[in-house]
Amino acid sequence: MMSEQTNNENETQQSQVMEFIDDLKPLVEVQPEATVSRTVMQVEGANVVLFSFDKGQELSEHTAAMPVLVQCLEGHLKVTGGGRTVDLVPGGILHFPTRLPHAVYAAEASKMMLIMMRH
């Protein structure tokens, strides 16, 4: 019984740890003629994935099984979804609801943060 209580306390303490990354941009590098992705955080309710795109690279139309937020960290992305295309540059953010078809095109070498929000 005592070890069960200790395990529960340890689980509670672990789930209440603040996760922090001081600078996302250096965690993924633009590679020539490639798209690169790297998961940098997996926490309660969300995963954070960084992408880098060389100029002209793209993620063809696809859907996500969960709502997502997308933010441009560097460069210029053209993002299409729901019959609309937007220019996503640093400082901008967008939201896709679950299963909305969307695509991403790098107008220049770019870095992007994707936050997948789990239910």
N, C-alpha and C. Protein backbone atom coordinates (compact mmCIF):
# COMPACT_ATOMS: atom_id res chain seq x y z
N MET A 1 0.83 -1.20 0.00
CA MET A 1 0.00 0.00 0.00
C MET A 1 0.87 1.25 0.00
N MET A 2 1.91 1.25 0.78
CA MET A 2 2.79 2.41 0.86
C MET A 2 3.43 2.70 -0.50
N SER A 3 3.90 1.66 -1.21
CA SER A 3 4.54 1.90 -2.50
C SER A 3 3.54 2.42 -3.53
N GLU A 4 2.26 2.00 -3.48
CA GLU A 4 1.25 2.53 -4.38
C GLU A 4 1.08 4.03 -4.18
N GLN A 5 1.05 4.46 -2.93
CA GLN A 5 0.89 5.88 -2.63
C GLN A 5 2.10 6.65 -3.15
N THR A 6 3.29 6.14 -2.96
CA THR A 6 4.50 6.79 -3.45
C THR A 6 4.48 6.89 -4.97
N ASN A 7 4.07 5.82 -5.67
CA ASN A 7 3.98 5.85 -7.13
C ASN A 7 2.99 6.92 -7.59
N ASN A 8 1.84 7.01 -6.95
CA ASN A 8 0.85 8.02 -7.32
C ASN A 8 1.39 9.43 -7.10
N GLU A 9 2.11 9.64 -6.00
CA GLU A 9 2.70 10.95 -5.73
C GLU A 9 3.73 11.29 -6.80
N ASN A 10 4.56 10.33 -7.19
CA ASN A 10 5.58 10.55 -8.23
C ASN A 10 4.92 10.90 -9.56
N GLU A 11 3.84 10.19 -9.93
CA GLU A 11 3.14 10.47 -11.18
C GLU A 11 2.56 11.89 -11.17
N THR A 12 1.98 12.29 -10.04
CA THR A 12 1.41 13.63 -9.91
C THR A 12 2.50 14.68 -10.05
N GLN A 13 3.64 14.46 -9.41
CA GLN A 13 4.74 15.43 -9.49
C GLN A 13 5.26 15.54 -10.92
N GLN A 14 5.39 14.41 -11.63
CA GLN A 14 5.89 14.43 -13.00
C GLN A 14 4.92 15.17 -13.92
N SER A 15 3.61 15.01 -13.74
CA SER A 15 2.65 15.66 -14.62
C SER A 15 2.55 17.15 -14.34
N GLN A 16 3.10 17.62 -13.25
CA GLN A 16 3.02 19.03 -12.90
C GLN A 16 4.35 19.75 -13.12
N VAL A 17 5.20 19.20 -13.97
CA VAL A 17 6.47 19.83 -14.30
C VAL A 17 6.25 20.80 -15.46
N MET A 18 6.79 22.00 -15.35
CA MET A 18 6.68 22.98 -16.43
C MET A 18 7.75 22.65 -17.48
N GLU A 19 7.33 22.55 -18.73
CA GLU A 19 8.25 22.31 -19.83
C GLU A 19 8.60 23.65 -20.46
N PHE A 20 9.88 23.84 -20.84
CA PHE A 20 10.33 25.12 -21.36
C PHE A 20 11.41 24.91 -22.41
N ILE A 21 11.27 25.60 -23.54
CA ILE A 21 12.32 25.65 -24.57
C ILE A 21 12.56 27.13 -24.82
N ASP A 22 13.79 27.58 -24.63
CA ASP A 22 14.06 29.03 -24.71
C ASP A 22 14.17 29.56 -26.14
N ASP A 23 14.49 28.72 -27.11
CA ASP A 23 14.58 29.18 -28.50
C ASP A 23 14.35 28.00 -29.43
N LEU A 24 13.26 28.02 -30.14
CA LEU A 24 12.88 26.90 -31.01
C LEU A 24 13.68 26.85 -32.31
N LYS A 25 14.00 28.00 -32.89
CA LYS A 25 14.58 28.04 -34.24
C LYS A 25 15.84 27.19 -34.43
N PRO A 26 16.78 27.16 -33.47
CA PRO A 26 17.97 26.35 -33.72
C PRO A 26 17.74 24.83 -33.64
N LEU A 27 16.56 24.41 -33.22
CA LEU A 27 16.31 22.98 -33.03
C LEU A 27 16.01 22.24 -34.32
N VAL A 28 15.82 22.98 -35.41
CA VAL A 28 15.63 22.35 -36.72
C VAL A 28 16.33 23.23 -37.76
N GLU A 29 17.06 22.59 -38.66
CA GLU A 29 17.82 23.32 -39.68
C GLU A 29 17.22 23.08 -41.06
N VAL A 30 17.28 24.09 -41.90
CA VAL A 30 16.85 23.95 -43.29
C VAL A 30 17.90 23.11 -44.02
N GLN A 31 17.44 22.07 -44.71
CA GLN A 31 18.32 21.20 -45.50
C GLN A 31 18.03 21.44 -46.98
N PRO A 32 19.06 21.41 -47.83
CA PRO A 32 18.85 21.66 -49.26
C PRO A 32 17.81 20.69 -49.86
N GLU A 33 16.85 21.27 -50.57
CA GLU A 33 15.82 20.51 -51.30
C GLU A 33 15.10 19.49 -50.42
N ALA A 34 14.82 19.86 -49.15
CA ALA A 34 14.18 18.91 -48.24
C ALA A 34 13.21 19.60 -47.29
N THR A 35 12.33 18.78 -46.74
CA THR A 35 11.47 19.17 -45.63
C THR A 35 11.88 18.29 -44.46
N VAL A 36 12.12 18.90 -43.32
CA VAL A 36 12.59 18.19 -42.12
C VAL A 36 11.59 18.42 -41.01
N SER A 37 11.31 17.39 -40.21
CA SER A 37 10.45 17.58 -39.04
C SER A 37 11.10 16.97 -37.81
N ARG A 38 10.79 17.56 -36.66
CA ARG A 38 11.37 17.09 -35.40
C ARG A 38 10.38 17.40 -34.27
N THR A 39 9.98 16.36 -33.53
CA THR A 39 9.13 16.56 -32.36
C THR A 39 10.02 17.07 -31.23
N VAL A 40 9.64 18.21 -30.66
CA VAL A 40 10.48 18.81 -29.61
C VAL A 40 9.81 18.82 -28.24
N MET A 41 8.50 18.53 -28.21
CA MET A 41 7.82 18.50 -26.91
C MET A 41 6.57 17.62 -27.02
N GLN A 42 6.40 16.76 -26.03
CA GLN A 42 5.19 15.95 -25.91
C GLN A 42 4.70 16.13 -24.48
N VAL A 43 3.59 16.85 -24.33
CA VAL A 43 3.07 17.18 -23.00
C VAL A 43 1.57 16.88 -22.95
N GLU A 44 1.02 16.97 -21.78
CA GLU A 44 -0.40 16.72 -21.61
C GLU A 44 -1.22 17.63 -22.54
N GLY A 45 -1.96 17.02 -23.44
CA GLY A 45 -2.84 17.77 -24.31
C GLY A 45 -2.24 18.27 -25.61
N ALA A 46 -0.92 18.13 -25.81
CA ALA A 46 -0.33 18.68 -27.04
C ALA A 46 1.02 18.05 -27.37
N ASN A 47 1.31 18.02 -28.66
CA ASN A 47 2.64 17.70 -29.17
C ASN A 47 3.10 18.92 -29.96
N VAL A 48 4.39 19.25 -29.87
CA VAL A 48 4.95 20.35 -30.63
C VAL A 48 5.98 19.77 -31.60
N VAL A 49 5.78 20.06 -32.88
CA VAL A 49 6.66 19.55 -33.93
C VAL A 49 7.18 20.75 -34.71
N LEU A 50 8.49 20.78 -34.92
CA LEU A 50 9.11 21.82 -35.75
C LEU A 50 9.34 21.27 -37.15
N PHE A 51 9.15 22.12 -38.13
CA PHE A 51 9.41 21.77 -39.53
C PHE A 51 10.36 22.80 -40.12
N SER A 52 11.22 22.35 -41.02
CA SER A 52 11.98 23.28 -41.84
C SER A 52 11.74 22.90 -43.30
N PHE A 53 11.69 23.91 -44.14
CA PHE A 53 11.43 23.72 -45.57
C PHE A 53 12.47 24.51 -46.35
N ASP A 54 13.10 23.89 -47.31
CA ASP A 54 13.89 24.67 -48.25
C ASP A 54 12.90 25.36 -49.20
N LYS A 55 13.35 26.42 -49.83
CA LYS A 55 12.49 27.16 -50.77
C LYS A 55 11.91 26.20 -51.80
N GLY A 56 10.60 26.28 -52.01
CA GLY A 56 9.94 25.45 -53.00
C GLY A 56 9.45 24.11 -52.48
N GLN A 57 9.82 23.74 -51.27
CA GLN A 57 9.36 22.48 -50.69
C GLN A 57 7.93 22.64 -50.19
N GLU A 58 7.22 21.51 -50.10
CA GLU A 58 5.83 21.60 -49.65
C GLU A 58 5.37 20.33 -48.96
N LEU A 59 4.33 20.51 -48.16
CA LEU A 59 3.56 19.38 -47.64
C LEU A 59 2.29 19.38 -48.49
N SER A 60 2.10 18.33 -49.28
CA SER A 60 0.92 18.28 -50.14
C SER A 60 -0.33 18.15 -49.26
N GLU A 61 -1.47 18.36 -49.89
CA GLU A 61 -2.73 18.38 -49.13
C GLU A 61 -2.89 17.12 -48.28
N HIS A 62 -3.26 17.33 -47.03
CA HIS A 62 -3.46 16.25 -46.07
C HIS A 62 -4.43 16.74 -45.00
N THR A 63 -4.79 15.87 -44.09
CA THR A 63 -5.64 16.25 -42.97
C THR A 63 -4.96 15.84 -41.67
N ALA A 64 -5.43 16.38 -40.57
CA ALA A 64 -4.92 16.02 -39.24
C ALA A 64 -6.07 15.42 -38.44
N ALA A 65 -5.76 14.43 -37.63
CA ALA A 65 -6.77 13.73 -36.83
C ALA A 65 -7.14 14.51 -35.57
N MET A 66 -6.57 15.71 -35.44
CA MET A 66 -6.84 16.54 -34.27
C MET A 66 -6.71 18.00 -34.68
N PRO A 67 -7.23 18.94 -33.89
CA PRO A 67 -7.02 20.35 -34.21
C PRO A 67 -5.54 20.71 -34.09
N VAL A 68 -5.09 21.64 -34.93
CA VAL A 68 -3.69 22.07 -34.88
C VAL A 68 -3.58 23.58 -34.96
N LEU A 69 -2.50 24.09 -34.39
CA LEU A 69 -2.08 25.48 -34.54
C LEU A 69 -0.77 25.48 -35.30
N VAL A 70 -0.59 26.43 -36.21
CA VAL A 70 0.63 26.52 -37.01
C VAL A 70 1.16 27.95 -36.88
N GLN A 71 2.46 28.05 -36.60
CA GLN A 71 3.09 29.36 -36.51
C GLN A 71 4.38 29.34 -37.32
N CYS A 72 4.59 30.39 -38.09
CA CYS A 72 5.84 30.53 -38.84
C CYS A 72 6.89 31.14 -37.91
N LEU A 73 8.03 30.49 -37.81
CA LEU A 73 9.12 30.99 -36.97
C LEU A 73 10.13 31.80 -37.78
N GLU A 74 10.23 31.47 -39.09
CA GLU A 74 11.23 32.10 -39.94
C GLU A 74 10.81 31.86 -41.38
N GLY A 75 10.95 32.87 -42.23
CA GLY A 75 10.67 32.68 -43.65
C GLY A 75 9.27 33.11 -44.05
N HIS A 76 8.72 32.42 -45.06
CA HIS A 76 7.43 32.78 -45.65
C HIS A 76 6.78 31.51 -46.18
N LEU A 77 5.62 31.17 -45.63
CA LEU A 77 4.89 29.98 -46.04
C LEU A 77 3.55 30.40 -46.65
N LYS A 78 3.13 29.68 -47.67
CA LYS A 78 1.78 29.85 -48.23
C LYS A 78 1.00 28.62 -47.78
N VAL A 79 -0.04 28.86 -47.01
CA VAL A 79 -0.81 27.77 -46.43
C VAL A 79 -2.23 27.82 -46.98
N THR A 80 -2.66 26.67 -47.51
CA THR A 80 -3.99 26.57 -48.11
C THR A 80 -4.85 25.63 -47.28
N GLY A 81 -6.08 26.06 -47.01
CA GLY A 81 -7.04 25.22 -46.30
C GLY A 81 -8.42 25.82 -46.38
N GLY A 82 -9.43 24.99 -46.50
CA GLY A 82 -10.79 25.49 -46.54
C GLY A 82 -11.06 26.42 -47.69
N GLY A 83 -10.40 26.20 -48.84
CA GLY A 83 -10.64 27.03 -50.01
C GLY A 83 -9.97 28.39 -49.97
N ARG A 84 -9.03 28.57 -49.06
CA ARG A 84 -8.36 29.87 -48.88
C ARG A 84 -6.86 29.67 -48.75
N THR A 85 -6.06 30.60 -49.28
CA THR A 85 -4.60 30.57 -49.11
C THR A 85 -4.19 31.82 -48.36
N VAL A 86 -3.34 31.64 -47.34
CA VAL A 86 -2.83 32.77 -46.57
C VAL A 86 -1.31 32.77 -46.62
N ASP A 87 -0.73 33.96 -46.48
CA ASP A 87 0.72 34.12 -46.35
C ASP A 87 1.03 34.08 -44.87
N LEU A 88 1.75 33.06 -44.43
CA LEU A 88 2.11 32.93 -43.03
C LEU A 88 3.58 33.31 -42.87
N VAL A 89 3.82 34.36 -42.11
CA VAL A 89 5.16 34.88 -41.85
C VAL A 89 5.36 34.96 -40.34
N PRO A 90 6.59 35.18 -39.87
CA PRO A 90 6.81 35.26 -38.43
C PRO A 90 5.86 36.27 -37.77
N GLY A 91 5.29 35.83 -36.68
CA GLY A 91 4.31 36.65 -35.97
C GLY A 91 2.89 36.21 -36.25
N GLY A 92 2.67 35.47 -37.33
CA GLY A 92 1.34 34.99 -37.67
C GLY A 92 1.09 33.60 -37.10
N ILE A 93 -0.19 33.29 -36.91
CA ILE A 93 -0.57 31.97 -36.42
C ILE A 93 -1.88 31.59 -37.08
N LEU A 94 -2.09 30.30 -37.31
CA LEU A 94 -3.37 29.86 -37.85
C LEU A 94 -3.81 28.58 -37.17
N HIS A 95 -5.10 28.30 -37.29
CA HIS A 95 -5.72 27.13 -36.68
C HIS A 95 -6.42 26.32 -37.75
N PHE A 96 -6.24 24.99 -37.70
CA PHE A 96 -6.99 24.07 -38.54
C PHE A 96 -7.84 23.19 -37.65
N PRO A 97 -9.14 23.11 -37.91
CA PRO A 97 -9.95 22.15 -37.15
C PRO A 97 -9.64 20.72 -37.62
N THR A 98 -10.05 19.77 -36.85
CA THR A 98 -9.84 18.35 -37.17
C THR A 98 -10.33 18.05 -38.58
N ARG A 99 -9.48 17.36 -39.33
CA ARG A 99 -9.77 16.82 -40.67
C ARG A 99 -9.99 17.85 -41.79
N LEU A 100 -9.64 19.11 -41.57
CA LEU A 100 -9.73 20.08 -42.66
C LEU A 100 -8.54 19.86 -43.61
N PRO A 101 -8.79 19.55 -44.89
CA PRO A 101 -7.66 19.37 -45.81
C PRO A 101 -6.86 20.68 -45.92
N HIS A 102 -5.54 20.55 -45.87
CA HIS A 102 -4.67 21.72 -45.96
C HIS A 102 -3.32 21.33 -46.54
N ALA A 103 -2.59 22.34 -47.04
CA ALA A 103 -1.27 22.14 -47.63
C ALA A 103 -0.39 23.32 -47.25
N VAL A 104 0.93 23.08 -47.28
CA VAL A 104 1.90 24.12 -46.92
C VAL A 104 2.96 24.18 -48.02
N TYR A 105 3.26 25.38 -48.49
CA TYR A 105 4.28 25.60 -49.51
C TYR A 105 5.25 26.66 -49.01
N ALA A 106 6.56 26.39 -49.14
CA ALA A 106 7.59 27.34 -48.70
C ALA A 106 7.94 28.29 -49.84
N ALA A 107 7.50 29.55 -49.73
CA ALA A 107 7.85 30.57 -50.72
C ALA A 107 9.32 30.95 -50.61
N GLU A 108 9.90 30.71 -49.43
CA GLU A 108 11.34 30.86 -49.21
C GLU A 108 11.74 29.86 -48.11
N ALA A 109 13.03 29.68 -47.89
CA ALA A 109 13.47 28.78 -46.82
C ALA A 109 12.79 29.21 -45.52
N SER A 110 12.17 28.26 -44.82
CA SER A 110 11.31 28.60 -43.69
C SER A 110 11.37 27.57 -42.57
N LYS A 111 10.96 28.03 -41.38
CA LYS A 111 10.80 27.15 -40.22
C LYS A 111 9.40 27.39 -39.65
N MET A 112 8.77 26.30 -39.21
CA MET A 112 7.39 26.35 -38.78
C MET A 112 7.22 25.52 -37.51
N MET A 113 6.34 25.98 -36.62
CA MET A 113 5.98 25.21 -35.44
C MET A 113 4.54 24.73 -35.60
N LEU A 114 4.34 23.43 -35.38
CA LEU A 114 3.03 22.82 -35.42
C LEU A 114 2.69 22.35 -34.01
N ILE A 115 1.53 22.75 -33.49
CA ILE A 115 1.07 22.29 -32.19
C ILE A 115 -0.17 21.44 -32.43
N MET A 116 -0.05 20.15 -32.15
CA MET A 116 -1.16 19.22 -32.29
C MET A 116 -1.84 19.10 -30.94
N MET A 117 -3.11 19.48 -30.90
CA MET A 117 -3.85 19.51 -29.64
C MET A 117 -4.67 18.23 -29.49
N ARG A 118 -4.28 17.41 -28.53
CA ARG A 118 -5.00 16.16 -28.29
C ARG A 118 -6.23 16.42 -27.42
N HIS A 119 -7.24 15.63 -27.64
CA HIS A 119 -8.47 15.75 -26.85
C HIS A 119 -8.31 15.06 -25.52
